[in-house]
Amino acid sequence: MIRSGQSSLPGSPILEPPRQGQLIRDVFHKLDNRVRRIGEVRLVIAILEDAVRCIERGYGTRNFQMRVQRRDAERWIASRNRGHVFAFENVCGILKLSPEEVRSRIAFWRDRSRAACHT
């Protein structure tokens, strides 16, 4: 069990549960503002943002629909399939984000949320 102030990741103390919207900021912090203005890119941003929000809202809730949406978003993000234009890896490629870095940020957020729930 991880207690408040401890972390499974070295150098990353867990002081409190993550705030709503924290995961979105963590995922998109490197995205260039000039890129955000292009229409097609805005669509891709919205797709990734929706998945991240589904994970964020669906964690720890008793609402069945939100849990289903969270699981769907987690599966989409975990997939390495590039067969569809809106596959996670393709979305990251369009946004010039590392899929592995996005996955690790989401995993870190999830671990931090779990730890906060068990304190």
PDB file of N, CA and C in Angstrom:
ATOM      1  N   MET A   1       0.845  -1.181   0.000  1.00  0.00           N
ATOM      2  CA  MET A   1       0.000   0.000   0.000  1.00  0.00           C
ATOM      3  C   MET A   1       0.886   1.238   0.000  1.00  0.00           C
ATOM      4  N   ILE A   2       0.534   2.203  -0.807  1.00  0.00           N
ATOM      5  CA  ILE A   2       1.267   3.460  -0.882  1.00  0.00           C
ATOM      6  C   ILE A   2       0.534   4.478  -0.029  1.00  0.00           C
ATOM      7  N   ARG A   3       1.258   5.135   0.830  1.00  0.00           N
ATOM      8  CA  ARG A   3       0.651   6.151   1.691  1.00  0.00           C
ATOM      9  C   ARG A   3       0.944   7.530   1.130  1.00  0.00           C
ATOM     10  N   SER A   4       0.208   8.495   1.623  1.00  0.00           N
ATOM     11  CA  SER A   4       0.407   9.878   1.185  1.00  0.00           C
ATOM     12  C   SER A   4       1.862  10.269   1.383  1.00  0.00           C
ATOM     13  N   GLY A   5       2.441  10.915   0.380  1.00  0.00           N
ATOM     14  CA  GLY A   5       3.831  11.332   0.455  1.00  0.00           C
ATOM     15  C   GLY A   5       4.786  10.304  -0.111  1.00  0.00           C
ATOM     16  N   GLN A   6       4.306   9.102  -0.431  1.00  0.00           N
ATOM     17  CA  GLN A   6       5.155   8.078  -1.013  1.00  0.00           C
ATOM     18  C   GLN A   6       4.721   7.839  -2.446  1.00  0.00           C
ATOM     19  N   SER A   7       5.609   7.270  -3.212  1.00  0.00           N
ATOM     20  CA  SER A   7       5.279   7.028  -4.608  1.00  0.00           C
ATOM     21  C   SER A   7       5.975   5.781  -5.088  1.00  0.00           C
ATOM     22  N   SER A   8       5.348   5.123  -6.055  1.00  0.00           N
ATOM     23  CA  SER A   8       5.994   3.981  -6.683  1.00  0.00           C
ATOM     24  C   SER A   8       7.019   4.437  -7.713  1.00  0.00           C
ATOM     25  N   LEU A   9       6.993   5.702  -8.086  1.00  0.00           N
ATOM     26  CA  LEU A   9       7.956   6.255  -9.024  1.00  0.00           C
ATOM     27  C   LEU A   9       8.959   7.103  -8.267  1.00  0.00           C
ATOM     28  N   PRO A  10      10.264   6.872  -8.446  1.00  0.00           N
ATOM     29  CA  PRO A  10      11.257   7.651  -7.723  1.00  0.00           C
ATOM     30  C   PRO A  10      11.169   9.131  -8.072  1.00  0.00           C
ATOM     31  N   GLY A  11      11.289   9.962  -7.040  1.00  0.00           N
ATOM     32  CA  GLY A  11      11.301  11.398  -7.265  1.00  0.00           C
ATOM     33  C   GLY A  11       9.943  11.994  -7.572  1.00  0.00           C
ATOM     34  N   SER A  12       8.859  11.273  -7.321  1.00  0.00           N
ATOM     35  CA  SER A  12       7.532  11.805  -7.625  1.00  0.00           C
ATOM     36  C   SER A  12       6.607  11.603  -6.425  1.00  0.00           C
ATOM     37  N   PRO A  13       6.674  12.499  -5.452  1.00  0.00           N
ATOM     38  CA  PRO A  13       5.850  12.324  -4.257  1.00  0.00           C
ATOM     39  C   PRO A  13       4.372  12.490  -4.569  1.00  0.00           C
ATOM     40  N   ILE A  14       3.581  11.750  -3.857  1.00  0.00           N
ATOM     41  CA  ILE A  14       2.131  11.840  -4.006  1.00  0.00           C
ATOM     42  C   ILE A  14       1.620  12.557  -2.764  1.00  0.00           C
ATOM     43  N   LEU A  15       1.219  13.780  -2.926  1.00  0.00           N
ATOM     44  CA  LEU A  15       0.777  14.567  -1.794  1.00  0.00           C
ATOM     45  C   LEU A  15      -0.732  14.615  -1.689  1.00  0.00           C
ATOM     46  N   GLU A  16      -1.397  14.550  -2.792  1.00  0.00           N
ATOM     47  CA  GLU A  16      -2.847  14.641  -2.811  1.00  0.00           C
ATOM     48  C   GLU A  16      -3.351  14.004  -4.089  1.00  0.00           C
ATOM     49  N   PRO A  17      -4.647  13.695  -4.145  1.00  0.00           N
ATOM     50  CA  PRO A  17      -5.170  13.140  -5.398  1.00  0.00           C
ATOM     51  C   PRO A  17      -5.043  14.159  -6.524  1.00  0.00           C
ATOM     52  N   PRO A  18      -4.841  13.695  -7.744  1.00  0.00           N
ATOM     53  CA  PRO A  18      -4.743  14.627  -8.873  1.00  0.00           C
ATOM     54  C   PRO A  18      -6.036  15.422  -9.025  1.00  0.00           C
ATOM     55  N   ARG A  19      -5.888  16.663  -9.419  1.00  0.00           N
ATOM     56  CA  ARG A  19      -7.062  17.510  -9.636  1.00  0.00           C
ATOM     57  C   ARG A  19      -7.670  17.248 -11.003  1.00  0.00           C
ATOM     58  N   GLN A  20      -8.970  17.529 -11.110  1.00  0.00           N
ATOM     59  CA  GLN A  20      -9.669  17.383 -12.390  1.00  0.00           C
ATOM     60  C   GLN A  20      -8.971  18.248 -13.433  1.00  0.00           C
ATOM     61  N   GLY A  21      -8.695  17.702 -14.586  1.00  0.00           N
ATOM     62  CA  GLY A  21      -8.042  18.440 -15.653  1.00  0.00           C
ATOM     63  C   GLY A  21      -6.525  18.321 -15.635  1.00  0.00           C
ATOM     64  N   GLN A  22      -5.957  17.780 -14.575  1.00  0.00           N
ATOM     65  CA  GLN A  22      -4.506  17.637 -14.460  1.00  0.00           C
ATOM     66  C   GLN A  22      -3.947  16.738 -15.557  1.00  0.00           C
ATOM     67  N   LEU A  23      -4.641  15.650 -15.834  1.00  0.00           N
ATOM     68  CA  LEU A  23      -4.179  14.710 -16.850  1.00  0.00           C
ATOM     69  C   LEU A  23      -4.164  15.363 -18.231  1.00  0.00           C
ATOM     70  N   ILE A  24      -5.190  16.141 -18.538  1.00  0.00           N
ATOM     71  CA  ILE A  24      -5.242  16.853 -19.828  1.00  0.00           C
ATOM     72  C   ILE A  24      -4.017  17.754 -19.964  1.00  0.00           C
ATOM     73  N   ARG A  25      -3.737  18.527 -18.937  1.00  0.00           N
ATOM     74  CA  ARG A  25      -2.576  19.438 -18.993  1.00  0.00           C
ATOM     75  C   ARG A  25      -1.281  18.659 -19.145  1.00  0.00           C
ATOM     76  N   ASP A  26      -1.153  17.530 -18.425  1.00  0.00           N
ATOM     77  CA  ASP A  26       0.060  16.727 -18.522  1.00  0.00           C
ATOM     78  C   ASP A  26       0.273  16.172 -19.924  1.00  0.00           C
ATOM     79  N   VAL A  27      -0.800  15.729 -20.561  1.00  0.00           N
ATOM     80  CA  VAL A  27      -0.693  15.124 -21.890  1.00  0.00           C
ATOM     81  C   VAL A  27      -0.394  16.175 -22.961  1.00  0.00           C
ATOM     82  N   PHE A  28      -1.016  17.342 -22.863  1.00  0.00           N
ATOM     83  CA  PHE A  28      -0.917  18.337 -23.928  1.00  0.00           C
ATOM     84  C   PHE A  28       0.113  19.435 -23.670  1.00  0.00           C
ATOM     85  N   HIS A  29       0.916  19.326 -22.614  1.00  0.00           N
ATOM     86  CA  HIS A  29       1.817  20.424 -22.272  1.00  0.00           C
ATOM     87  C   HIS A  29       2.862  20.722 -23.344  1.00  0.00           C
ATOM     88  N   LYS A  30       3.208  19.759 -24.161  1.00  0.00           N
ATOM     89  CA  LYS A  30       4.241  19.975 -25.183  1.00  0.00           C
ATOM     90  C   LYS A  30       3.698  20.401 -26.543  1.00  0.00           C
ATOM     91  N   LEU A  31       2.399  20.401 -26.686  1.00  0.00           N
ATOM     92  CA  LEU A  31       1.811  20.685 -27.995  1.00  0.00           C
ATOM     93  C   LEU A  31       1.970  22.161 -28.351  1.00  0.00           C
ATOM     94  N   ASP A  32       2.497  22.410 -29.504  1.00  0.00           N
ATOM     95  CA  ASP A  32       2.751  23.767 -29.988  1.00  0.00           C
ATOM     96  C   ASP A  32       1.425  24.491 -30.249  1.00  0.00           C
ATOM     97  N   ASN A  33       1.294  25.685 -29.721  1.00  0.00           N
ATOM     98  CA  ASN A  33       0.056  26.459 -29.896  1.00  0.00           C
ATOM     99  C   ASN A  33      -0.237  26.783 -31.358  1.00  0.00           C
ATOM    100  N   ARG A  34       0.786  26.926 -32.190  1.00  0.00           N
ATOM    101  CA  ARG A  34       0.564  27.212 -33.610  1.00  0.00           C
ATOM    102  C   ARG A  34      -0.116  26.044 -34.295  1.00  0.00           C
ATOM    103  N   VAL A  35       0.224  24.829 -33.878  1.00  0.00           N
ATOM    104  CA  VAL A  35      -0.354  23.626 -34.471  1.00  0.00           C
ATOM    105  C   VAL A  35      -1.833  23.521 -34.112  1.00  0.00           C
ATOM    106  N   ARG A  36      -2.206  23.990 -32.935  1.00  0.00           N
ATOM    107  CA  ARG A  36      -3.581  23.871 -32.443  1.00  0.00           C
ATOM    108  C   ARG A  36      -4.592  24.611 -33.309  1.00  0.00           C
ATOM    109  N   ARG A  37      -4.140  25.533 -34.138  1.00  0.00           N
ATOM    110  CA  ARG A  37      -5.054  26.353 -34.941  1.00  0.00           C
ATOM    111  C   ARG A  37      -5.531  25.672 -36.217  1.00  0.00           C
ATOM    112  N   ILE A  38      -4.852  24.644 -36.664  1.00  0.00           N
ATOM    113  CA  ILE A  38      -5.194  23.955 -37.909  1.00  0.00           C
ATOM    114  C   ILE A  38      -6.437  23.086 -37.665  1.00  0.00           C
ATOM    115  N   GLY A  39      -7.433  23.210 -38.533  1.00  0.00           N
ATOM    116  CA  GLY A  39      -8.717  22.537 -38.343  1.00  0.00           C
ATOM    117  C   GLY A  39      -8.630  21.041 -38.136  1.00  0.00           C
ATOM    118  N   GLU A  40      -7.885  20.353 -38.999  1.00  0.00           N
ATOM    119  CA  GLU A  40      -7.769  18.903 -38.888  1.00  0.00           C
ATOM    120  C   GLU A  40      -7.072  18.516 -37.597  1.00  0.00           C
ATOM    121  N   VAL A  41      -6.099  19.305 -37.199  1.00  0.00           N
ATOM    122  CA  VAL A  41      -5.366  19.030 -35.962  1.00  0.00           C
ATOM    123  C   VAL A  41      -6.286  19.246 -34.762  1.00  0.00           C
ATOM    124  N   ARG A  42      -7.141  20.250 -34.840  1.00  0.00           N
ATOM    125  CA  ARG A  42      -8.089  20.492 -33.746  1.00  0.00           C
ATOM    126  C   ARG A  42      -9.016  19.292 -33.564  1.00  0.00           C
ATOM    127  N   LEU A  43      -9.414  18.653 -34.665  1.00  0.00           N
ATOM    128  CA  LEU A  43     -10.244  17.457 -34.586  1.00  0.00           C
ATOM    129  C   LEU A  43      -9.496  16.337 -33.860  1.00  0.00           C
ATOM    130  N   VAL A  44      -8.252  16.131 -34.224  1.00  0.00           N
ATOM    131  CA  VAL A  44      -7.447  15.075 -33.613  1.00  0.00           C
ATOM    132  C   VAL A  44      -7.211  15.381 -32.127  1.00  0.00           C
ATOM    133  N   ILE A  45      -6.982  16.648 -31.805  1.00  0.00           N
ATOM    134  CA  ILE A  45      -6.827  17.044 -30.400  1.00  0.00           C
ATOM    135  C   ILE A  45      -8.099  16.705 -29.629  1.00  0.00           C
ATOM    136  N   ALA A  46      -9.251  17.007 -30.220  1.00  0.00           N
ATOM    137  CA  ALA A  46     -10.528  16.735 -29.554  1.00  0.00           C
ATOM    138  C   ALA A  46     -10.716  15.240 -29.293  1.00  0.00           C
ATOM    139  N   ILE A  47     -10.280  14.410 -30.213  1.00  0.00           N
ATOM    140  CA  ILE A  47     -10.404  12.959 -30.043  1.00  0.00           C
ATOM    141  C   ILE A  47      -9.549  12.496 -28.874  1.00  0.00           C
ATOM    142  N   LEU A  48      -8.292  12.920 -28.839  1.00  0.00           N
ATOM    143  CA  LEU A  48      -7.405  12.524 -27.751  1.00  0.00           C
ATOM    144  C   LEU A  48      -7.866  13.124 -26.424  1.00  0.00           C
ATOM    145  N   GLU A  49      -8.288  14.350 -26.462  1.00  0.00           N
ATOM    146  CA  GLU A  49      -8.768  15.013 -25.248  1.00  0.00           C
ATOM    147  C   GLU A  49      -9.994  14.291 -24.682  1.00  0.00           C
ATOM    148  N   ASP A  50     -10.904  13.862 -25.551  1.00  0.00           N
ATOM    149  CA  ASP A  50     -12.089  13.132 -25.094  1.00  0.00           C
ATOM    150  C   ASP A  50     -11.687  11.823 -24.416  1.00  0.00           C
ATOM    151  N   ALA A  51     -10.735  11.111 -24.990  1.00  0.00           N
ATOM    152  CA  ALA A  51     -10.282   9.849 -24.391  1.00  0.00           C
ATOM    153  C   ALA A  51      -9.664  10.096 -23.017  1.00  0.00           C
ATOM    154  N   VAL A  52      -8.841  11.115 -22.925  1.00  0.00           N
ATOM    155  CA  VAL A  52      -8.194  11.427 -21.647  1.00  0.00           C
ATOM    156  C   VAL A  52      -9.241  11.833 -20.614  1.00  0.00           C
ATOM    157  N   ARG A  53     -10.212  12.620 -21.022  1.00  0.00           N
ATOM    158  CA  ARG A  53     -11.288  13.020 -20.091  1.00  0.00           C
ATOM    159  C   ARG A  53     -12.123  11.815 -19.649  1.00  0.00           C
ATOM    160  N   CYS A  54     -12.372  10.887 -20.560  1.00  0.00           N
ATOM    161  CA  CYS A  54     -13.120   9.681 -20.186  1.00  0.00           C
ATOM    162  C   CYS A  54     -12.364   8.891 -19.122  1.00  0.00           C
ATOM    163  N   ILE A  55     -11.063   8.816 -19.258  1.00  0.00           N
ATOM    164  CA  ILE A  55     -10.246   8.126 -18.251  1.00  0.00           C
ATOM    165  C   ILE A  55     -10.313   8.869 -16.933  1.00  0.00           C
ATOM    166  N   GLU A  56     -10.163  10.167 -17.010  1.00  0.00           N
ATOM    167  CA  GLU A  56     -10.156  10.988 -15.805  1.00  0.00           C
ATOM    168  C   GLU A  56     -11.504  10.914 -15.063  1.00  0.00           C
ATOM    169  N   ARG A  57     -12.589  11.072 -15.790  1.00  0.00           N
ATOM    170  CA  ARG A  57     -13.923  11.065 -15.168  1.00  0.00           C
ATOM    171  C   ARG A  57     -14.341   9.670 -14.730  1.00  0.00           C
ATOM    172  N   GLY A  58     -13.889   8.661 -15.455  1.00  0.00           N
ATOM    173  CA  GLY A  58     -14.338   7.305 -15.177  1.00  0.00           C
ATOM    174  C   GLY A  58     -13.591   6.603 -14.074  1.00  0.00           C
ATOM    175  N   TYR A  59     -12.533   7.206 -13.591  1.00  0.00           N
ATOM    176  CA  TYR A  59     -11.752   6.548 -12.552  1.00  0.00           C
ATOM    177  C   TYR A  59     -12.423   6.741 -11.194  1.00  0.00           C
ATOM    178  N   GLY A  60     -12.700   5.643 -10.512  1.00  0.00           N
ATOM    179  CA  GLY A  60     -13.250   5.684  -9.169  1.00  0.00           C
ATOM    180  C   GLY A  60     -14.735   5.992  -9.092  1.00  0.00           C
ATOM    181  N   THR A  61     -15.410   6.066 -10.213  1.00  0.00           N
ATOM    182  CA  THR A  61     -16.842   6.359 -10.197  1.00  0.00           C
ATOM    183  C   THR A  61     -17.650   5.073 -10.113  1.00  0.00           C
ATOM    184  N   ARG A  62     -18.850   5.192  -9.635  1.00  0.00           N
ATOM    185  CA  ARG A  62     -19.767   4.052  -9.606  1.00  0.00           C
ATOM    186  C   ARG A  62     -20.690   4.064 -10.826  1.00  0.00           C
ATOM    187  N   ASN A  63     -20.622   5.127 -11.605  1.00  0.00           N
ATOM    188  CA  ASN A  63     -21.477   5.275 -12.776  1.00  0.00           C
ATOM    189  C   ASN A  63     -21.025   4.281 -13.849  1.00  0.00           C
ATOM    190  N   PHE A  64     -21.904   3.365 -14.202  1.00  0.00           N
ATOM    191  CA  PHE A  64     -21.569   2.296 -15.144  1.00  0.00           C
ATOM    192  C   PHE A  64     -21.120   2.847 -16.497  1.00  0.00           C
ATOM    193  N   GLN A  65     -21.878   3.795 -17.053  1.00  0.00           N
ATOM    194  CA  GLN A  65     -21.562   4.336 -18.377  1.00  0.00           C
ATOM    195  C   GLN A  65     -20.176   4.997 -18.394  1.00  0.00           C
ATOM    196  N   MET A  66     -19.855   5.717 -17.337  1.00  0.00           N
ATOM    197  CA  MET A  66     -18.543   6.379 -17.270  1.00  0.00           C
ATOM    198  C   MET A  66     -17.412   5.347 -17.156  1.00  0.00           C
ATOM    199  N   ARG A  67     -17.670   4.250 -16.450  1.00  0.00           N
ATOM    200  CA  ARG A  67     -16.653   3.196 -16.337  1.00  0.00           C
ATOM    201  C   ARG A  67     -16.442   2.521 -17.687  1.00  0.00           C
ATOM    202  N   VAL A  68     -17.536   2.297 -18.429  1.00  0.00           N
ATOM    203  CA  VAL A  68     -17.431   1.690 -19.764  1.00  0.00           C
ATOM    204  C   VAL A  68     -16.639   2.622 -20.690  1.00  0.00           C
ATOM    205  N   GLN A  69     -16.947   3.900 -20.657  1.00  0.00           N
ATOM    206  CA  GLN A  69     -16.213   4.868 -21.486  1.00  0.00           C
ATOM    207  C   GLN A  69     -14.737   4.897 -21.109  1.00  0.00           C
ATOM    208  N   ARG A  70     -14.438   4.816 -19.810  1.00  0.00           N
ATOM    209  CA  ARG A  70     -13.040   4.785 -19.370  1.00  0.00           C
ATOM    210  C   ARG A  70     -12.324   3.562 -19.922  1.00  0.00           C
ATOM    211  N   ARG A  71     -12.971   2.395 -19.800  1.00  0.00           N
ATOM    212  CA  ARG A  71     -12.341   1.168 -20.313  1.00  0.00           C
ATOM    213  C   ARG A  71     -12.131   1.234 -21.813  1.00  0.00           C
ATOM    214  N   ASP A  72     -13.107   1.764 -22.547  1.00  0.00           N
ATOM    215  CA  ASP A  72     -12.958   1.915 -24.009  1.00  0.00           C
ATOM    216  C   ASP A  72     -11.779   2.835 -24.334  1.00  0.00           C
ATOM    217  N   ALA A  73     -11.678   3.936 -23.616  1.00  0.00           N
ATOM    218  CA  ALA A  73     -10.576   4.876 -23.854  1.00  0.00           C
ATOM    219  C   ALA A  73      -9.237   4.236 -23.509  1.00  0.00           C
ATOM    220  N   GLU A  74      -9.184   3.485 -22.430  1.00  0.00           N
ATOM    221  CA  GLU A  74      -7.936   2.808 -22.059  1.00  0.00           C
ATOM    222  C   GLU A  74      -7.530   1.777 -23.100  1.00  0.00           C
ATOM    223  N   ARG A  75      -8.499   1.060 -23.642  1.00  0.00           N
ATOM    224  CA  ARG A  75      -8.194   0.084 -24.709  1.00  0.00           C
ATOM    225  C   ARG A  75      -7.681   0.781 -25.961  1.00  0.00           C
ATOM    226  N   TRP A  76      -8.311   1.892 -26.325  1.00  0.00           N
ATOM    227  CA  TRP A  76      -7.897   2.657 -27.502  1.00  0.00           C
ATOM    228  C   TRP A  76      -6.457   3.133 -27.326  1.00  0.00           C
ATOM    229  N   ILE A  77      -6.137   3.645 -26.156  1.00  0.00           N
ATOM    230  CA  ILE A  77      -4.800   4.165 -25.898  1.00  0.00           C
ATOM    231  C   ILE A  77      -3.777   3.034 -25.847  1.00  0.00           C
ATOM    232  N   ALA A  78      -4.150   1.889 -25.324  1.00  0.00           N
ATOM    233  CA  ALA A  78      -3.222   0.756 -25.224  1.00  0.00           C
ATOM    234  C   ALA A  78      -2.959   0.094 -26.579  1.00  0.00           C
ATOM    235  N   SER A  79      -3.868   0.276 -27.522  1.00  0.00           N
ATOM    236  CA  SER A  79      -3.744  -0.383 -28.825  1.00  0.00           C
ATOM    237  C   SER A  79      -2.545   0.147 -29.616  1.00  0.00           C
ATOM    238  N   ARG A  80      -1.880  -0.765 -30.282  1.00  0.00           N
ATOM    239  CA  ARG A  80      -0.749  -0.402 -31.142  1.00  0.00           C
ATOM    240  C   ARG A  80      -1.141  -0.458 -32.615  1.00  0.00           C
ATOM    241  N   ASN A  81      -2.402  -0.708 -32.873  1.00  0.00           N
ATOM    242  CA  ASN A  81      -2.925  -0.797 -34.227  1.00  0.00           C
ATOM    243  C   ASN A  81      -2.860   0.574 -34.909  1.00  0.00           C
ATOM    244  N   ARG A  82      -2.394   0.594 -36.148  1.00  0.00           N
ATOM    245  CA  ARG A  82      -2.337   1.840 -36.922  1.00  0.00           C
ATOM    246  C   ARG A  82      -3.240   1.763 -38.156  1.00  0.00           C
ATOM    247  N   GLY A  83      -4.147   0.790 -38.162  1.00  0.00           N
ATOM    248  CA  GLY A  83      -4.982   0.533 -39.325  1.00  0.00           C
ATOM    249  C   GLY A  83      -6.070   1.556 -39.590  1.00  0.00           C
ATOM    250  N   HIS A  84      -6.350   2.405 -38.650  1.00  0.00           N
ATOM    251  CA  HIS A  84      -7.410   3.407 -38.810  1.00  0.00           C
ATOM    252  C   HIS A  84      -6.791   4.791 -38.647  1.00  0.00           C
ATOM    253  N   VAL A  85      -7.286   5.752 -39.406  1.00  0.00           N
ATOM    254  CA  VAL A  85      -6.720   7.097 -39.362  1.00  0.00           C
ATOM    255  C   VAL A  85      -6.777   7.687 -37.950  1.00  0.00           C
ATOM    256  N   PHE A  86      -7.802   7.308 -37.166  1.00  0.00           N
ATOM    257  CA  PHE A  86      -7.932   7.844 -35.815  1.00  0.00           C
ATOM    258  C   PHE A  86      -7.452   6.866 -34.745  1.00  0.00           C
ATOM    259  N   ALA A  87      -6.601   5.923 -35.127  1.00  0.00           N
ATOM    260  CA  ALA A  87      -5.972   5.043 -34.140  1.00  0.00           C
ATOM    261  C   ALA A  87      -5.073   5.897 -33.245  1.00  0.00           C
ATOM    262  N   PHE A  88      -4.936   5.500 -31.992  1.00  0.00           N
ATOM    263  CA  PHE A  88      -4.179   6.278 -31.022  1.00  0.00           C
ATOM    264  C   PHE A  88      -2.773   6.619 -31.520  1.00  0.00           C
ATOM    265  N   GLU A  89      -2.070   5.639 -32.038  1.00  0.00           N
ATOM    266  CA  GLU A  89      -0.691   5.869 -32.503  1.00  0.00           C
ATOM    267  C   GLU A  89      -0.667   6.880 -33.653  1.00  0.00           C
ATOM    268  N   ASN A  90      -1.659   6.837 -34.536  1.00  0.00           N
ATOM    269  CA  ASN A  90      -1.736   7.812 -35.631  1.00  0.00           C
ATOM    270  C   ASN A  90      -2.067   9.208 -35.107  1.00  0.00           C
ATOM    271  N   VAL A  91      -2.982   9.270 -34.136  1.00  0.00           N
ATOM    272  CA  VAL A  91      -3.337  10.557 -33.528  1.00  0.00           C
ATOM    273  C   VAL A  91      -2.092  11.188 -32.909  1.00  0.00           C
ATOM    274  N   CYS A  92      -1.337  10.400 -32.170  1.00  0.00           N
ATOM    275  CA  CYS A  92      -0.096  10.923 -31.567  1.00  0.00           C
ATOM    276  C   CYS A  92       0.888  11.364 -32.651  1.00  0.00           C
ATOM    277  N   GLY A  93       0.977  10.604 -33.727  1.00  0.00           N
ATOM    278  CA  GLY A  93       1.867  10.975 -34.824  1.00  0.00           C
ATOM    279  C   GLY A  93       1.485  12.310 -35.445  1.00  0.00           C
ATOM    280  N   ILE A  94       0.195  12.532 -35.655  1.00  0.00           N
ATOM    281  CA  ILE A  94      -0.278  13.795 -36.222  1.00  0.00           C
ATOM    282  C   ILE A  94       0.073  14.958 -35.293  1.00  0.00           C
ATOM    283  N   LEU A  95      -0.052  14.718 -33.972  1.00  0.00           N
ATOM    284  CA  LEU A  95       0.214  15.769 -32.990  1.00  0.00           C
ATOM    285  C   LEU A  95       1.692  15.867 -32.598  1.00  0.00           C
ATOM    286  N   LYS A  96       2.507  14.982 -33.182  1.00  0.00           N
ATOM    287  CA  LYS A  96       3.937  14.933 -32.867  1.00  0.00           C
ATOM    288  C   LYS A  96       4.179  14.705 -31.372  1.00  0.00           C
ATOM    289  N   LEU A  97       3.353  13.800 -30.810  1.00  0.00           N
ATOM    290  CA  LEU A  97       3.504  13.376 -29.422  1.00  0.00           C
ATOM    291  C   LEU A  97       3.985  11.939 -29.418  1.00  0.00           C
ATOM    292  N   SER A  98       4.791  11.591 -28.457  1.00  0.00           N
ATOM    293  CA  SER A  98       5.240  10.216 -28.315  1.00  0.00           C
ATOM    294  C   SER A  98       4.126   9.386 -27.682  1.00  0.00           C
ATOM    295  N   PRO A  99       3.642   8.341 -28.384  1.00  0.00           N
ATOM    296  CA  PRO A  99       2.589   7.503 -27.807  1.00  0.00           C
ATOM    297  C   PRO A  99       3.007   6.911 -26.455  1.00  0.00           C
ATOM    298  N   GLU A 100       4.263   6.512 -26.359  1.00  0.00           N
ATOM    299  CA  GLU A 100       4.744   5.921 -25.106  1.00  0.00           C
ATOM    300  C   GLU A 100       4.772   6.944 -23.980  1.00  0.00           C
ATOM    301  N   GLU A 101       5.132   8.168 -24.291  1.00  0.00           N
ATOM    302  CA  GLU A 101       5.137   9.205 -23.263  1.00  0.00           C
ATOM    303  C   GLU A 101       3.717   9.512 -22.794  1.00  0.00           C
ATOM    304  N   VAL A 102       2.778   9.567 -23.722  1.00  0.00           N
ATOM    305  CA  VAL A 102       1.377   9.805 -23.350  1.00  0.00           C
ATOM    306  C   VAL A 102       0.881   8.654 -22.481  1.00  0.00           C
ATOM    307  N   ARG A 103       1.184   7.416 -22.882  1.00  0.00           N
ATOM    308  CA  ARG A 103       0.777   6.263 -22.082  1.00  0.00           C
ATOM    309  C   ARG A 103       1.391   6.306 -20.686  1.00  0.00           C
ATOM    310  N   SER A 104       2.659   6.683 -20.607  1.00  0.00           N
ATOM    311  CA  SER A 104       3.301   6.714 -19.290  1.00  0.00           C
ATOM    312  C   SER A 104       2.726   7.823 -18.416  1.00  0.00           C
ATOM    313  N   ARG A 105       2.368   8.954 -19.008  1.00  0.00           N
ATOM    314  CA  ARG A 105       1.735  10.025 -18.219  1.00  0.00           C
ATOM    315  C   ARG A 105       0.376   9.571 -17.685  1.00  0.00           C
ATOM    316  N   ILE A 106      -0.372   8.856 -18.510  1.00  0.00           N
ATOM    317  CA  ILE A 106      -1.674   8.352 -18.071  1.00  0.00           C
ATOM    318  C   ILE A 106      -1.479   7.303 -16.975  1.00  0.00           C
ATOM    319  N   ALA A 107      -0.507   6.422 -17.147  1.00  0.00           N
ATOM    320  CA  ALA A 107      -0.232   5.403 -16.125  1.00  0.00           C
ATOM    321  C   ALA A 107       0.198   6.050 -14.816  1.00  0.00           C
ATOM    322  N   PHE A 108       1.033   7.075 -14.898  1.00  0.00           N
ATOM    323  CA  PHE A 108       1.473   7.779 -13.692  1.00  0.00           C
ATOM    324  C   PHE A 108       0.275   8.410 -12.993  1.00  0.00           C
ATOM    325  N   TRP A 109      -0.595   9.067 -13.759  1.00  0.00           N
ATOM    326  CA  TRP A 109      -1.789   9.688 -13.198  1.00  0.00           C
ATOM    327  C   TRP A 109      -2.665   8.634 -12.518  1.00  0.00           C
ATOM    328  N   ARG A 110      -2.847   7.495 -13.190  1.00  0.00           N
ATOM    329  CA  ARG A 110      -3.683   6.416 -12.649  1.00  0.00           C
ATOM    330  C   ARG A 110      -3.080   5.877 -11.346  1.00  0.00           C
ATOM    331  N   ASP A 111      -1.770   5.673 -11.331  1.00  0.00           N
ATOM    332  CA  ASP A 111      -1.103   5.200 -10.114  1.00  0.00           C
ATOM    333  C   ASP A 111      -1.252   6.203  -8.979  1.00  0.00           C
ATOM    334  N   ARG A 112      -1.122   7.452  -9.314  1.00  0.00           N
ATOM    335  CA  ARG A 112      -1.254   8.512  -8.319  1.00  0.00           C
ATOM    336  C   ARG A 112      -2.689   8.571  -7.781  1.00  0.00           C
ATOM    337  N   SER A 113      -3.665   8.386  -8.644  1.00  0.00           N
ATOM    338  CA  SER A 113      -5.059   8.369  -8.218  1.00  0.00           C
ATOM    339  C   SER A 113      -5.344   7.191  -7.314  1.00  0.00           C
ATOM    340  N   ARG A 114      -4.826   6.029  -7.687  1.00  0.00           N
ATOM    341  CA  ARG A 114      -5.021   4.830  -6.849  1.00  0.00           C
ATOM    342  C   ARG A 114      -4.389   5.013  -5.479  1.00  0.00           C
ATOM    343  N   ALA A 115      -3.187   5.558  -5.461  1.00  0.00           N
ATOM    344  CA  ALA A 115      -2.491   5.765  -4.190  1.00  0.00           C
ATOM    345  C   ALA A 115      -3.256   6.729  -3.301  1.00  0.00           C
ATOM    346  N   ALA A 116      -3.801   7.766  -3.893  1.00  0.00           N
ATOM    347  CA  ALA A 116      -4.554   8.763  -3.123  1.00  0.00           C
ATOM    348  C   ALA A 116      -5.834   8.152  -2.554  1.00  0.00           C
ATOM    349  N   CYS A 117      -6.419   7.217  -3.282  1.00  0.00           N
ATOM    350  CA  CYS A 117      -7.648   6.569  -2.808  1.00  0.00           C
ATOM    351  C   CYS A 117      -7.377   5.633  -1.634  1.00  0.00           C
ATOM    352  N   HIS A 118      -6.147   5.147  -1.529  1.00  0.00           N
ATOM    353  CA  HIS A 118      -5.806   4.156  -0.501  1.00  0.00           C
ATOM    354  C   HIS A 118      -5.101   4.769   0.695  1.00  0.00           C
ATOM    355  N   THR A 119      -5.125   6.090   0.797  1.00  0.00           N
ATOM    356  CA  THR A 119      -4.460   6.716   1.944  1.00  0.00           C
ATOM    357  C   THR A 119      -5.437   7.010   3.044  1.00  0.00           C
TER     358      THR A 119
END
